Each structure stands twice: as structure tokens, then as C-alpha cells.
Amino acid sequence: GDPSPRARRNFSGYGVGEQKAAYQIPASLAATNPATLQMVWGPGTFGYSPLGLQAFRATQCPGINPSKVRFDTDHHGRFGGDNFMEGNLDTHMISAFGMNVSTLVSNTNASLSTEEGDR
């Protein structure tokens, strides 16, 4: 069911704002150099959900610029696959800590699992 107010308070201590504060990173710090680039990479079903990134932006980090996040390969992983949520997490966090940075999401292995060779 719905967590108690105390549980919600405890959970909220792990949000992006609290993590940035712990590292003394200003919440609004964002890149201004358009040449700045960052990347997340993963194999198999690794990917991310653009709609999920929008939801994360709305609830955790309004400074994320989703238009700066894109795939750099034709393989975009597979929703529900064994590595897809890792890709979501990686994409959310790198976008939150590197706000306004052009972000590449790369999956160069079309295997359906993190173990190479499964098609």
C-alpha cells in the first residue's frame, strides 16, 4: 500500500536533490558549452525510455534537457529485457548530474541478454 509519511520522508532522502547536496553540487548547475558530451553504454537489452526520462525529469530533476539525450546506434535495447532498467537508471542519473550535456545512449551489442550470442 501507500507508504507511511515517515517512510516517504526516508525514501526522499535518496532523491537527486539530496545526492547533489551531499556532493555540494548546485542543483541548477548545467553545462553551457555545446561541445560537452557524455555517454552511457551497455550490452544486450540496454536502452532507455524517453517517456521514463520525461517522468524522471518531472519528479526528480526539472533541469534535465531530454532533447539532448539520444541513441547513437540503431540498437535501442528491449523494454523489459534483463539490462533495460540499468540503461534507464544510467541515463536518468547521468542526465541529472550532467544537465544540458549532450548525452549518447549506446548499445553496440544486439544480443538479447547481457551474455553475448543470444539473439
PDB file of N, CA and C in Angstrom:
ATOM      1  N   GLY A   1       0.807  -1.185   0.000  1.00  0.00           N
ATOM      2  CA  GLY A   1       0.000   0.000   0.000  1.00  0.00           C
ATOM      3  C   GLY A   1       0.850   1.248   0.000  1.00  0.00           C
ATOM      4  N   ASP A   2       0.197   2.324   0.272  1.00  0.00           N
ATOM      5  CA  ASP A   2       0.855   3.626   0.310  1.00  0.00           C
ATOM      6  C   ASP A   2       1.780   3.686   1.525  1.00  0.00           C
ATOM      7  N   PRO A   3       3.050   4.054   1.323  1.00  0.00           N
ATOM      8  CA  PRO A   3       3.960   4.105   2.471  1.00  0.00           C
ATOM      9  C   PRO A   3       3.555   5.197   3.456  1.00  0.00           C
ATOM     10  N   SER A   4       3.918   4.979   4.688  1.00  0.00           N
ATOM     11  CA  SER A   4       3.608   5.958   5.726  1.00  0.00           C
ATOM     12  C   SER A   4       4.366   7.256   5.451  1.00  0.00           C
ATOM     13  N   PRO A   5       3.919   8.384   6.045  1.00  0.00           N
ATOM     14  CA  PRO A   5       4.659   9.650   5.858  1.00  0.00           C
ATOM     15  C   PRO A   5       6.129   9.521   6.261  1.00  0.00           C
ATOM     16  N   ARG A   6       6.408   8.765   7.330  1.00  0.00           N
ATOM     17  CA  ARG A   6       7.806   8.589   7.741  1.00  0.00           C
ATOM     18  C   ARG A   6       8.605   7.841   6.671  1.00  0.00           C
ATOM     19  N   ALA A   7       8.017   6.780   6.108  1.00  0.00           N
ATOM     20  CA  ALA A   7       8.697   6.023   5.052  1.00  0.00           C
ATOM     21  C   ALA A   7       8.935   6.904   3.837  1.00  0.00           C
ATOM     22  N   ARG A   8       7.958   7.753   3.486  1.00  0.00           N
ATOM     23  CA  ARG A   8       8.138   8.662   2.340  1.00  0.00           C
ATOM     24  C   ARG A   8       9.279   9.632   2.615  1.00  0.00           C
ATOM     25  N   ARG A   9       9.363  10.135   3.835  1.00  0.00           N
ATOM     26  CA  ARG A   9      10.460  11.058   4.181  1.00  0.00           C
ATOM     27  C   ARG A   9      11.802  10.358   4.067  1.00  0.00           C
ATOM     28  N   ASN A  10      11.889   9.131   4.565  1.00  0.00           N
ATOM     29  CA  ASN A  10      13.142   8.393   4.492  1.00  0.00           C
ATOM     30  C   ASN A  10      13.532   8.117   3.044  1.00  0.00           C
ATOM     31  N   PHE A  11      12.544   7.720   2.214  1.00  0.00           N
ATOM     32  CA  PHE A  11      12.825   7.441   0.809  1.00  0.00           C
ATOM     33  C   PHE A  11      13.288   8.707   0.094  1.00  0.00           C
ATOM     34  N   SER A  12      12.682   9.846   0.405  1.00  0.00           N
ATOM     35  CA  SER A  12      13.008  11.076  -0.306  1.00  0.00           C
ATOM     36  C   SER A  12      14.455  11.500  -0.060  1.00  0.00           C
ATOM     37  N   GLY A  13      15.098  10.968   0.949  1.00  0.00           N
ATOM     38  CA  GLY A  13      16.490  11.297   1.218  1.00  0.00           C
ATOM     39  C   GLY A  13      17.459  10.777   0.167  1.00  0.00           C
ATOM     40  N   TYR A  14      16.954   9.992  -0.772  1.00  0.00           N
ATOM     41  CA  TYR A  14      17.801   9.434  -1.814  1.00  0.00           C
ATOM     42  C   TYR A  14      17.542  10.057  -3.176  1.00  0.00           C
ATOM     43  N   GLY A  15      16.799  11.143  -3.221  1.00  0.00           N
ATOM     44  CA  GLY A  15      16.490  11.796  -4.486  1.00  0.00           C
ATOM     45  C   GLY A  15      17.702  12.518  -5.068  1.00  0.00           C
ATOM     46  N   VAL A  16      17.558  12.951  -6.287  1.00  0.00           N
ATOM     47  CA  VAL A  16      18.646  13.650  -6.977  1.00  0.00           C
ATOM     48  C   VAL A  16      19.075  14.902  -6.211  1.00  0.00           C
ATOM     49  N   GLY A  17      18.117  15.666  -5.719  1.00  0.00           N
ATOM     50  CA  GLY A  17      18.455  16.886  -4.983  1.00  0.00           C
ATOM     51  C   GLY A  17      19.327  16.603  -3.769  1.00  0.00           C
ATOM     52  N   GLU A  18      18.971  15.567  -3.022  1.00  0.00           N
ATOM     53  CA  GLU A  18      19.758  15.208  -1.839  1.00  0.00           C
ATOM     54  C   GLU A  18      21.136  14.683  -2.223  1.00  0.00           C
ATOM     55  N   GLN A  19      21.217  13.926  -3.312  1.00  0.00           N
ATOM     56  CA  GLN A  19      22.516  13.425  -3.758  1.00  0.00           C
ATOM     57  C   GLN A  19      23.420  14.569  -4.214  1.00  0.00           C
ATOM     58  N   LYS A  20      22.857  15.516  -4.957  1.00  0.00           N
ATOM     59  CA  LYS A  20      23.663  16.661  -5.382  1.00  0.00           C
ATOM     60  C   LYS A  20      24.137  17.462  -4.166  1.00  0.00           C
ATOM     61  N   ALA A  21      23.263  17.649  -3.204  1.00  0.00           N
ATOM     62  CA  ALA A  21      23.633  18.382  -1.996  1.00  0.00           C
ATOM     63  C   ALA A  21      24.761  17.672  -1.252  1.00  0.00           C
ATOM     64  N   ALA A  22      24.712  16.355  -1.189  1.00  0.00           N
ATOM     65  CA  ALA A  22      25.751  15.598  -0.493  1.00  0.00           C
ATOM     66  C   ALA A  22      27.123  15.812  -1.133  1.00  0.00           C
ATOM     67  N   TYR A  23      27.148  16.019  -2.441  1.00  0.00           N
ATOM     68  CA  TYR A  23      28.406  16.257  -3.155  1.00  0.00           C
ATOM     69  C   TYR A  23      28.682  17.742  -3.378  1.00  0.00           C
ATOM     70  N   GLN A  24      27.849  18.584  -2.773  1.00  0.00           N
ATOM     71  CA  GLN A  24      27.963  20.041  -2.881  1.00  0.00           C
ATOM     72  C   GLN A  24      27.920  20.509  -4.339  1.00  0.00           C
ATOM     73  N   ILE A  25      27.041  19.883  -5.114  1.00  0.00           N
ATOM     74  CA  ILE A  25      26.799  20.271  -6.495  1.00  0.00           C
ATOM     75  C   ILE A  25      25.545  21.138  -6.504  1.00  0.00           C
ATOM     76  N   PRO A  26      25.638  22.372  -6.977  1.00  0.00           N
ATOM     77  CA  PRO A  26      24.425  23.198  -7.037  1.00  0.00           C
ATOM     78  C   PRO A  26      23.340  22.518  -7.879  1.00  0.00           C
ATOM     79  N   ALA A  27      22.113  22.549  -7.377  1.00  0.00           N
ATOM     80  CA  ALA A  27      21.008  21.859  -8.044  1.00  0.00           C
ATOM     81  C   ALA A  27      20.787  22.355  -9.467  1.00  0.00           C
ATOM     82  N   SER A  28      21.112  23.606  -9.728  1.00  0.00           N
ATOM     83  CA  SER A  28      20.853  24.182 -11.054  1.00  0.00           C
ATOM     84  C   SER A  28      22.071  24.162 -11.969  1.00  0.00           C
ATOM     85  N   LEU A  29      23.183  23.603 -11.519  1.00  0.00           N
ATOM     86  CA  LEU A  29      24.395  23.579 -12.343  1.00  0.00           C
ATOM     87  C   LEU A  29      24.131  22.827 -13.645  1.00  0.00           C
ATOM     88  N   ALA A  30      24.413  23.489 -14.761  1.00  0.00           N
ATOM     89  CA  ALA A  30      24.186  22.887 -16.075  1.00  0.00           C
ATOM     90  C   ALA A  30      25.308  23.314 -17.008  1.00  0.00           C
ATOM     91  N   ALA A  31      25.605  22.470 -17.971  1.00  0.00           N
ATOM     92  CA  ALA A  31      26.651  22.763 -18.955  1.00  0.00           C
ATOM     93  C   ALA A  31      26.221  23.925 -19.844  1.00  0.00           C
ATOM     94  N   THR A  32      27.195  24.726 -20.235  1.00  0.00           N
ATOM     95  CA  THR A  32      26.929  25.823 -21.164  1.00  0.00           C
ATOM     96  C   THR A  32      27.692  25.658 -22.470  1.00  0.00           C
ATOM     97  N   ASN A  33      28.696  24.780 -22.485  1.00  0.00           N
ATOM     98  CA  ASN A  33      29.479  24.561 -23.694  1.00  0.00           C
ATOM     99  C   ASN A  33      28.764  23.498 -24.541  1.00  0.00           C
ATOM    100  N   PRO A  34      28.305  23.861 -25.739  1.00  0.00           N
ATOM    101  CA  PRO A  34      27.563  22.891 -26.549  1.00  0.00           C
ATOM    102  C   PRO A  34      28.399  21.701 -27.018  1.00  0.00           C
ATOM    103  N   ALA A  35      29.719  21.778 -26.897  1.00  0.00           N
ATOM    104  CA  ALA A  35      30.584  20.672 -27.318  1.00  0.00           C
ATOM    105  C   ALA A  35      30.747  19.610 -26.236  1.00  0.00           C
ATOM    106  N   THR A  36      30.245  19.868 -25.035  1.00  0.00           N
ATOM    107  CA  THR A  36      30.372  18.896 -23.949  1.00  0.00           C
ATOM    108  C   THR A  36      29.535  17.665 -24.268  1.00  0.00           C
ATOM    109  N   LEU A  37      30.129  16.489 -24.071  1.00  0.00           N
ATOM    110  CA  LEU A  37      29.486  15.233 -24.441  1.00  0.00           C
ATOM    111  C   LEU A  37      29.719  14.194 -23.353  1.00  0.00           C
ATOM    112  N   GLN A  38      28.709  13.391 -23.099  1.00  0.00           N
ATOM    113  CA  GLN A  38      28.829  12.278 -22.160  1.00  0.00           C
ATOM    114  C   GLN A  38      28.098  11.082 -22.757  1.00  0.00           C
ATOM    115  N   MET A  39      28.427   9.887 -22.239  1.00  0.00           N
ATOM    116  CA  MET A  39      27.866   8.674 -22.819  1.00  0.00           C
ATOM    117  C   MET A  39      27.605   7.630 -21.746  1.00  0.00           C
ATOM    118  N   VAL A  40      26.533   6.875 -21.954  1.00  0.00           N
ATOM    119  CA  VAL A  40      26.317   5.635 -21.212  1.00  0.00           C
ATOM    120  C   VAL A  40      26.315   4.515 -22.238  1.00  0.00           C
ATOM    121  N   TRP A  41      26.852   3.370 -21.852  1.00  0.00           N
ATOM    122  CA  TRP A  41      26.934   2.235 -22.760  1.00  0.00           C
ATOM    123  C   TRP A  41      26.541   0.989 -22.001  1.00  0.00           C
ATOM    124  N   GLY A  42      25.889   0.101 -22.711  1.00  0.00           N
ATOM    125  CA  GLY A  42      25.576  -1.197 -22.150  1.00  0.00           C
ATOM    126  C   GLY A  42      25.264  -2.187 -23.250  1.00  0.00           C
ATOM    127  N   PRO A  43      25.377  -3.478 -22.949  1.00  0.00           N
ATOM    128  CA  PRO A  43      25.134  -4.518 -23.947  1.00  0.00           C
ATOM    129  C   PRO A  43      23.713  -5.075 -23.879  1.00  0.00           C
ATOM    130  N   GLY A  44      23.415  -5.898 -24.830  1.00  0.00           N
ATOM    131  CA  GLY A  44      22.181  -6.680 -24.807  1.00  0.00           C
ATOM    132  C   GLY A  44      20.941  -5.820 -24.889  1.00  0.00           C
ATOM    133  N   THR A  45      20.084  -5.921 -23.892  1.00  0.00           N
ATOM    134  CA  THR A  45      18.801  -5.220 -23.901  1.00  0.00           C
ATOM    135  C   THR A  45      18.916  -3.804 -23.350  1.00  0.00           C
ATOM    136  N   PHE A  46      20.132  -3.326 -23.093  1.00  0.00           N
ATOM    137  CA  PHE A  46      20.391  -1.994 -22.545  1.00  0.00           C
ATOM    138  C   PHE A  46      19.751  -0.923 -23.432  1.00  0.00           C
ATOM    139  N   GLY A  47      19.018  -0.046 -22.818  1.00  0.00           N
ATOM    140  CA  GLY A  47      18.391   1.069 -23.515  1.00  0.00           C
ATOM    141  C   GLY A  47      17.776   2.004 -22.497  1.00  0.00           C
ATOM    142  N   TYR A  48      16.917   2.887 -22.954  1.00  0.00           N
ATOM    143  CA  TYR A  48      16.192   3.751 -22.023  1.00  0.00           C
ATOM    144  C   TYR A  48      14.863   4.143 -22.644  1.00  0.00           C
ATOM    145  N   SER A  49      13.961   4.590 -21.811  1.00  0.00           N
ATOM    146  CA  SER A  49      12.653   5.038 -22.249  1.00  0.00           C
ATOM    147  C   SER A  49      12.622   6.559 -22.253  1.00  0.00           C
ATOM    148  N   PRO A  50      12.457   7.200 -23.410  1.00  0.00           N
ATOM    149  CA  PRO A  50      12.323   8.657 -23.423  1.00  0.00           C
ATOM    150  C   PRO A  50      11.156   9.141 -22.556  1.00  0.00           C
ATOM    151  N   LEU A  51      10.047   8.391 -22.525  1.00  0.00           N
ATOM    152  CA  LEU A  51       8.930   8.775 -21.654  1.00  0.00           C
ATOM    153  C   LEU A  51       9.314   8.644 -20.183  1.00  0.00           C
ATOM    154  N   GLY A  52      10.091   7.621 -19.860  1.00  0.00           N
ATOM    155  CA  GLY A  52      10.577   7.462 -18.496  1.00  0.00           C
ATOM    156  C   GLY A  52      11.480   8.610 -18.086  1.00  0.00           C
ATOM    157  N   LEU A  53      12.307   9.085 -19.025  1.00  0.00           N
ATOM    158  CA  LEU A  53      13.178  10.224 -18.737  1.00  0.00           C
ATOM    159  C   LEU A  53      12.341  11.478 -18.489  1.00  0.00           C
ATOM    160  N   GLN A  54      11.283  11.651 -19.245  1.00  0.00           N
ATOM    161  CA  GLN A  54      10.379  12.796 -19.020  1.00  0.00           C
ATOM    162  C   GLN A  54       9.753  12.727 -17.624  1.00  0.00           C
ATOM    163  N   ALA A  55       9.324  11.536 -17.223  1.00  0.00           N
ATOM    164  CA  ALA A  55       8.719  11.369 -15.898  1.00  0.00           C
ATOM    165  C   ALA A  55       9.749  11.628 -14.802  1.00  0.00           C
ATOM    166  N   PHE A  56      10.965  11.134 -14.987  1.00  0.00           N
ATOM    167  CA  PHE A  56      12.034  11.371 -14.018  1.00  0.00           C
ATOM    168  C   PHE A  56      12.320  12.863 -13.911  1.00  0.00           C
ATOM    169  N   ARG A  57      12.340  13.537 -15.028  1.00  0.00           N
ATOM    170  CA  ARG A  57      12.542  14.994 -15.046  1.00  0.00           C
ATOM    171  C   ARG A  57      11.455  15.688 -14.222  1.00  0.00           C
ATOM    172  N   ALA A  58      10.213  15.270 -14.415  1.00  0.00           N
ATOM    173  CA  ALA A  58       9.090  15.904 -13.724  1.00  0.00           C
ATOM    174  C   ALA A  58       9.128  15.685 -12.219  1.00  0.00           C
ATOM    175  N   THR A  59       9.625  14.526 -11.779  1.00  0.00           N
ATOM    176  CA  THR A  59       9.577  14.201 -10.356  1.00  0.00           C
ATOM    177  C   THR A  59      10.885  14.426  -9.615  1.00  0.00           C
ATOM    178  N   GLN A  60      12.021  14.416 -10.323  1.00  0.00           N
ATOM    179  CA  GLN A  60      13.306  14.456  -9.635  1.00  0.00           C
ATOM    180  C   GLN A  60      14.219  15.614 -10.034  1.00  0.00           C
ATOM    181  N   CYS A  61      14.210  15.993 -11.301  1.00  0.00           N
ATOM    182  CA  CYS A  61      15.239  16.930 -11.757  1.00  0.00           C
ATOM    183  C   CYS A  61      14.727  17.741 -12.952  1.00  0.00           C
ATOM    184  N   PRO A  62      14.001  18.825 -12.683  1.00  0.00           N
ATOM    185  CA  PRO A  62      13.401  19.588 -13.778  1.00  0.00           C
ATOM    186  C   PRO A  62      14.411  20.225 -14.735  1.00  0.00           C
ATOM    187  N   GLY A  63      15.671  20.265 -14.359  1.00  0.00           N
ATOM    188  CA  GLY A  63      16.690  20.861 -15.223  1.00  0.00           C
ATOM    189  C   GLY A  63      17.196  19.953 -16.327  1.00  0.00           C
ATOM    190  N   ILE A  64      16.779  18.684 -16.333  1.00  0.00           N
ATOM    191  CA  ILE A  64      17.198  17.766 -17.401  1.00  0.00           C
ATOM    192  C   ILE A  64      16.650  18.274 -18.730  1.00  0.00           C
ATOM    193  N   ASN A  65      17.483  18.193 -19.760  1.00  0.00           N
ATOM    194  CA  ASN A  65      17.075  18.590 -21.106  1.00  0.00           C
ATOM    195  C   ASN A  65      16.963  17.323 -21.963  1.00  0.00           C
ATOM    196  N   PRO A  66      15.766  16.708 -22.019  1.00  0.00           N
ATOM    197  CA  PRO A  66      15.620  15.444 -22.749  1.00  0.00           C
ATOM    198  C   PRO A  66      15.987  15.538 -24.230  1.00  0.00           C
ATOM    199  N   SER A  67      15.900  16.707 -24.813  1.00  0.00           N
ATOM    200  CA  SER A  67      16.242  16.838 -26.233  1.00  0.00           C
ATOM    201  C   SER A  67      17.731  16.642 -26.482  1.00  0.00           C
ATOM    202  N   LYS A  68      18.542  16.653 -25.424  1.00  0.00           N
ATOM    203  CA  LYS A  68      19.988  16.445 -25.554  1.00  0.00           C
ATOM    204  C   LYS A  68      20.372  14.980 -25.412  1.00  0.00           C
ATOM    205  N   VAL A  69      19.396  14.099 -25.153  1.00  0.00           N
ATOM    206  CA  VAL A  69      19.667  12.675 -24.945  1.00  0.00           C
ATOM    207  C   VAL A  69      19.225  11.917 -26.198  1.00  0.00           C
ATOM    208  N   ARG A  70      20.140  11.098 -26.741  1.00  0.00           N
ATOM    209  CA  ARG A  70      19.792  10.356 -27.951  1.00  0.00           C
ATOM    210  C   ARG A  70      20.604   9.071 -28.039  1.00  0.00           C
ATOM    211  N   PHE A  71      20.079   8.131 -28.790  1.00  0.00           N
ATOM    212  CA  PHE A  71      20.811   6.911 -29.102  1.00  0.00           C
ATOM    213  C   PHE A  71      21.841   7.215 -30.176  1.00  0.00           C
ATOM    214  N   ASP A  72      22.975   6.543 -30.119  1.00  0.00           N
ATOM    215  CA  ASP A  72      23.981   6.729 -31.173  1.00  0.00           C
ATOM    216  C   ASP A  72      24.156   5.467 -32.017  1.00  0.00           C
ATOM    217  N   THR A  73      23.329   4.461 -31.780  1.00  0.00           N
ATOM    218  CA  THR A  73      23.361   3.231 -32.571  1.00  0.00           C
ATOM    219  C   THR A  73      21.927   2.882 -32.964  1.00  0.00           C
ATOM    220  N   ASP A  74      21.786   1.955 -33.900  1.00  0.00           N
ATOM    221  CA  ASP A  74      20.456   1.522 -34.324  1.00  0.00           C
ATOM    222  C   ASP A  74      19.787   0.608 -33.306  1.00  0.00           C
ATOM    223  N   HIS A  75      20.579  -0.032 -32.447  1.00  0.00           N
ATOM    224  CA  HIS A  75      20.014  -0.952 -31.460  1.00  0.00           C
ATOM    225  C   HIS A  75      19.671  -0.175 -30.193  1.00  0.00           C
ATOM    226  N   HIS A  76      18.391  -0.164 -29.816  1.00  0.00           N
ATOM    227  CA  HIS A  76      17.932   0.625 -28.674  1.00  0.00           C
ATOM    228  C   HIS A  76      17.537  -0.228 -27.488  1.00  0.00           C
ATOM    229  N   GLY A  77      18.016  -1.454 -27.448  1.00  0.00           N
ATOM    230  CA  GLY A  77      17.697  -2.339 -26.340  1.00  0.00           C
ATOM    231  C   GLY A  77      16.294  -2.887 -26.448  1.00  0.00           C
ATOM    232  N   ARG A  78      15.790  -3.439 -25.342  1.00  0.00           N
ATOM    233  CA  ARG A  78      14.444  -4.010 -25.344  1.00  0.00           C
ATOM    234  C   ARG A  78      13.792  -3.788 -23.993  1.00  0.00           C
ATOM    235  N   PHE A  79      12.682  -3.061 -24.000  1.00  0.00           N
ATOM    236  CA  PHE A  79      11.929  -2.825 -22.780  1.00  0.00           C
ATOM    237  C   PHE A  79      11.599  -4.159 -22.121  1.00  0.00           C
ATOM    238  N   GLY A  80      11.858  -4.260 -20.835  1.00  0.00           N
ATOM    239  CA  GLY A  80      11.595  -5.485 -20.091  1.00  0.00           C
ATOM    240  C   GLY A  80      12.738  -6.481 -20.133  1.00  0.00           C
ATOM    241  N   GLY A  81      13.774  -6.196 -20.944  1.00  0.00           N
ATOM    242  CA  GLY A  81      14.922  -7.090 -21.017  1.00  0.00           C
ATOM    243  C   GLY A  81      15.755  -7.031 -19.755  1.00  0.00           C
ATOM    244  N   ASP A  82      16.704  -7.947 -19.643  1.00  0.00           N
ATOM    245  CA  ASP A  82      17.486  -8.087 -18.414  1.00  0.00           C
ATOM    246  C   ASP A  82      18.408  -6.908 -18.132  1.00  0.00           C
ATOM    247  N   ASN A  83      18.619  -6.015 -19.077  1.00  0.00           N
ATOM    248  CA  ASN A  83      19.540  -4.897 -18.861  1.00  0.00           C
ATOM    249  C   ASN A  83      18.883  -3.549 -19.162  1.00  0.00           C
ATOM    250  N   PHE A  84      17.588  -3.552 -19.463  1.00  0.00           N
ATOM    251  CA  PHE A  84      16.921  -2.313 -19.850  1.00  0.00           C
ATOM    252  C   PHE A  84      16.810  -1.333 -18.687  1.00  0.00           C
ATOM    253  N   MET A  85      16.447  -1.825 -17.516  1.00  0.00           N
ATOM    254  CA  MET A  85      16.308  -0.915 -16.368  1.00  0.00           C
ATOM    255  C   MET A  85      17.643  -0.317 -15.963  1.00  0.00           C
ATOM    256  N   GLU A  86      18.731  -1.057 -16.140  1.00  0.00           N
ATOM    257  CA  GLU A  86      20.060  -0.494 -15.879  1.00  0.00           C
ATOM    258  C   GLU A  86      20.312   0.686 -16.811  1.00  0.00           C
ATOM    259  N   GLY A  87      19.934   0.527 -18.078  1.00  0.00           N
ATOM    260  CA  GLY A  87      20.079   1.626 -19.027  1.00  0.00           C
ATOM    261  C   GLY A  87      19.247   2.831 -18.636  1.00  0.00           C
ATOM    262  N   ASN A  88      18.020   2.581 -18.177  1.00  0.00           N
ATOM    263  CA  ASN A  88      17.172   3.676 -17.694  1.00  0.00           C
ATOM    264  C   ASN A  88      17.835   4.406 -16.541  1.00  0.00           C
ATOM    265  N   LEU A  89      18.277   3.650 -15.545  1.00  0.00           N
ATOM    266  CA  LEU A  89      18.920   4.245 -14.375  1.00  0.00           C
ATOM    267  C   LEU A  89      20.153   5.054 -14.787  1.00  0.00           C
ATOM    268  N   ASP A  90      21.012   4.460 -15.592  1.00  0.00           N
ATOM    269  CA  ASP A  90      22.230   5.156 -16.019  1.00  0.00           C
ATOM    270  C   ASP A  90      21.901   6.444 -16.770  1.00  0.00           C
ATOM    271  N   THR A  91      20.917   6.379 -17.664  1.00  0.00           N
ATOM    272  CA  THR A  91      20.543   7.555 -18.454  1.00  0.00           C
ATOM    273  C   THR A  91      19.938   8.638 -17.567  1.00  0.00           C
ATOM    274  N   HIS A  92      19.077   8.240 -16.639  1.00  0.00           N
ATOM    275  CA  HIS A  92      18.491   9.223 -15.731  1.00  0.00           C
ATOM    276  C   HIS A  92      19.568   9.930 -14.921  1.00  0.00           C
ATOM    277  N   MET A  93      20.460   9.151 -14.334  1.00  0.00           N
ATOM    278  CA  MET A  93      21.438   9.744 -13.424  1.00  0.00           C
ATOM    279  C   MET A  93      22.482  10.582 -14.150  1.00  0.00           C
ATOM    280  N   ILE A  94      22.977  10.125 -15.295  1.00  0.00           N
ATOM    281  CA  ILE A  94      23.974  10.922 -15.999  1.00  0.00           C
ATOM    282  C   ILE A  94      23.345  12.217 -16.504  1.00  0.00           C
ATOM    283  N   SER A  95      22.067  12.159 -16.878  1.00  0.00           N
ATOM    284  CA  SER A  95      21.376  13.366 -17.336  1.00  0.00           C
ATOM    285  C   SER A  95      21.122  14.335 -16.188  1.00  0.00           C
ATOM    286  N   ALA A  96      20.888  13.803 -15.003  1.00  0.00           N
ATOM    287  CA  ALA A  96      20.638  14.649 -13.834  1.00  0.00           C
ATOM    288  C   ALA A  96      21.911  15.318 -13.329  1.00  0.00           C
ATOM    289  N   PHE A  97      23.024  14.615 -13.380  1.00  0.00           N
ATOM    290  CA  PHE A  97      24.272  15.183 -12.870  1.00  0.00           C
ATOM    291  C   PHE A  97      25.041  15.938 -13.943  1.00  0.00           C
ATOM    292  N   GLY A  98      24.764  15.674 -15.194  1.00  0.00           N
ATOM    293  CA  GLY A  98      25.366  16.411 -16.301  1.00  0.00           C
ATOM    294  C   GLY A  98      24.268  17.117 -17.072  1.00  0.00           C
ATOM    295  N   MET A  99      23.561  18.012 -16.386  1.00  0.00           N
ATOM    296  CA  MET A  99      22.418  18.673 -17.018  1.00  0.00           C
ATOM    297  C   MET A  99      22.863  19.507 -18.215  1.00  0.00           C
ATOM    298  N   ASN A 100      22.076  19.437 -19.258  1.00  0.00           N
ATOM    299  CA  ASN A 100      22.273  20.166 -20.512  1.00  0.00           C
ATOM    300  C   ASN A 100      23.489  19.690 -21.300  1.00  0.00           C
ATOM    301  N   VAL A 101      24.019  18.551 -20.942  1.00  0.00           N
ATOM    302  CA  VAL A 101      25.133  17.957 -21.681  1.00  0.00           C
ATOM    303  C   VAL A 101      24.542  17.029 -22.745  1.00  0.00           C
ATOM    304  N   SER A 102      25.057  17.067 -23.953  1.00  0.00           N
ATOM    305  CA  SER A 102      24.647  16.119 -24.978  1.00  0.00           C
ATOM    306  C   SER A 102      25.008  14.728 -24.483  1.00  0.00           C
ATOM    307  N   THR A 103      24.023  13.830 -24.452  1.00  0.00           N
ATOM    308  CA  THR A 103      24.195  12.505 -23.868  1.00  0.00           C
ATOM    309  C   THR A 103      23.894  11.438 -24.899  1.00  0.00           C
ATOM    310  N   LEU A 104      24.856  10.563 -25.119  1.00  0.00           N
ATOM    311  CA  LEU A 104      24.680   9.439 -26.028  1.00  0.00           C
ATOM    312  C   LEU A 104      24.347   8.193 -25.225  1.00  0.00           C
ATOM    313  N   VAL A 105      23.335   7.473 -25.660  1.00  0.00           N
ATOM    314  CA  VAL A 105      22.996   6.181 -25.091  1.00  0.00           C
ATOM    315  C   VAL A 105      23.398   5.160 -26.155  1.00  0.00           C
ATOM    316  N   SER A 106      24.369   4.321 -25.810  1.00  0.00           N
ATOM    317  CA  SER A 106      24.971   3.449 -26.806  1.00  0.00           C
ATOM    318  C   SER A 106      24.812   1.985 -26.437  1.00  0.00           C
ATOM    319  N   ASN A 107      24.372   1.202 -27.410  1.00  0.00           N
ATOM    320  CA  ASN A 107      24.289  -0.237 -27.262  1.00  0.00           C
ATOM    321  C   ASN A 107      24.800  -0.831 -28.565  1.00  0.00           C
ATOM    322  N   THR A 108      26.005  -1.335 -28.536  1.00  0.00           N
ATOM    323  CA  THR A 108      26.645  -1.862 -29.744  1.00  0.00           C
ATOM    324  C   THR A 108      26.539  -3.368 -29.864  1.00  0.00           C
ATOM    325  N   ASN A 109      25.759  -3.985 -28.976  1.00  0.00           N
ATOM    326  CA  ASN A 109      25.632  -5.437 -28.949  1.00  0.00           C
ATOM    327  C   ASN A 109      24.154  -5.777 -29.043  1.00  0.00           C
ATOM    328  N   ALA A 110      23.721  -6.348 -30.139  1.00  0.00           N
ATOM    329  CA  ALA A 110      22.303  -6.633 -30.357  1.00  0.00           C
ATOM    330  C   ALA A 110      21.830  -7.927 -29.695  1.00  0.00           C
ATOM    331  N   SER A 111      22.661  -8.573 -28.894  1.00  0.00           N
ATOM    332  CA  SER A 111      22.248  -9.775 -28.185  1.00  0.00           C
ATOM    333  C   SER A 111      21.063  -9.452 -27.278  1.00  0.00           C
ATOM    334  N   LEU A 112      20.192 -10.399 -27.069  1.00  0.00           N
ATOM    335  CA  LEU A 112      19.024 -10.164 -26.231  1.00  0.00           C
ATOM    336  C   LEU A 112      19.294 -10.323 -24.739  1.00  0.00           C
ATOM    337  N   SER A 113      20.534 -10.598 -24.372  1.00  0.00           N
ATOM    338  CA  SER A 113      20.879 -10.688 -22.963  1.00  0.00           C
ATOM    339  C   SER A 113      22.246 -10.062 -22.759  1.00  0.00           C
ATOM    340  N   THR A 114      22.638  -9.915 -21.517  1.00  0.00           N
ATOM    341  CA  THR A 114      23.957  -9.365 -21.252  1.00  0.00           C
ATOM    342  C   THR A 114      25.060 -10.347 -21.609  1.00  0.00           C
ATOM    343  N   GLU A 115      24.678 -11.596 -21.843  1.00  0.00           N
ATOM    344  CA  GLU A 115      25.642 -12.612 -22.295  1.00  0.00           C
ATOM    345  C   GLU A 115      25.642 -12.606 -23.824  1.00  0.00           C
ATOM    346  N   GLU A 116      26.772 -12.359 -24.413  1.00  0.00           N
ATOM    347  CA  GLU A 116      26.853 -12.262 -25.868  1.00  0.00           C
ATOM    348  C   GLU A 116      26.411 -13.552 -26.546  1.00  0.00           C
ATOM    349  N   GLY A 117      25.833 -13.416 -27.699  1.00  0.00           N
ATOM    350  CA  GLY A 117      25.499 -14.550 -28.522  1.00  0.00           C
ATOM    351  C   GLY A 117      24.026 -14.924 -28.535  1.00  0.00           C
ATOM    352  N   ASP A 118      23.251 -14.480 -27.548  1.00  0.00           N
ATOM    353  CA  ASP A 118      21.815 -14.776 -27.540  1.00  0.00           C
ATOM    354  C   ASP A 118      21.132 -13.819 -28.498  1.00  0.00           C
ATOM    355  N   ARG A 119      20.388 -14.332 -29.431  1.00  0.00           N
ATOM    356  CA  ARG A 119      19.672 -13.483 -30.380  1.00  0.00           C
ATOM    357  C   ARG A 119      18.220 -13.720 -30.179  1.00  0.00           C
TER     358      ARG A 119
END
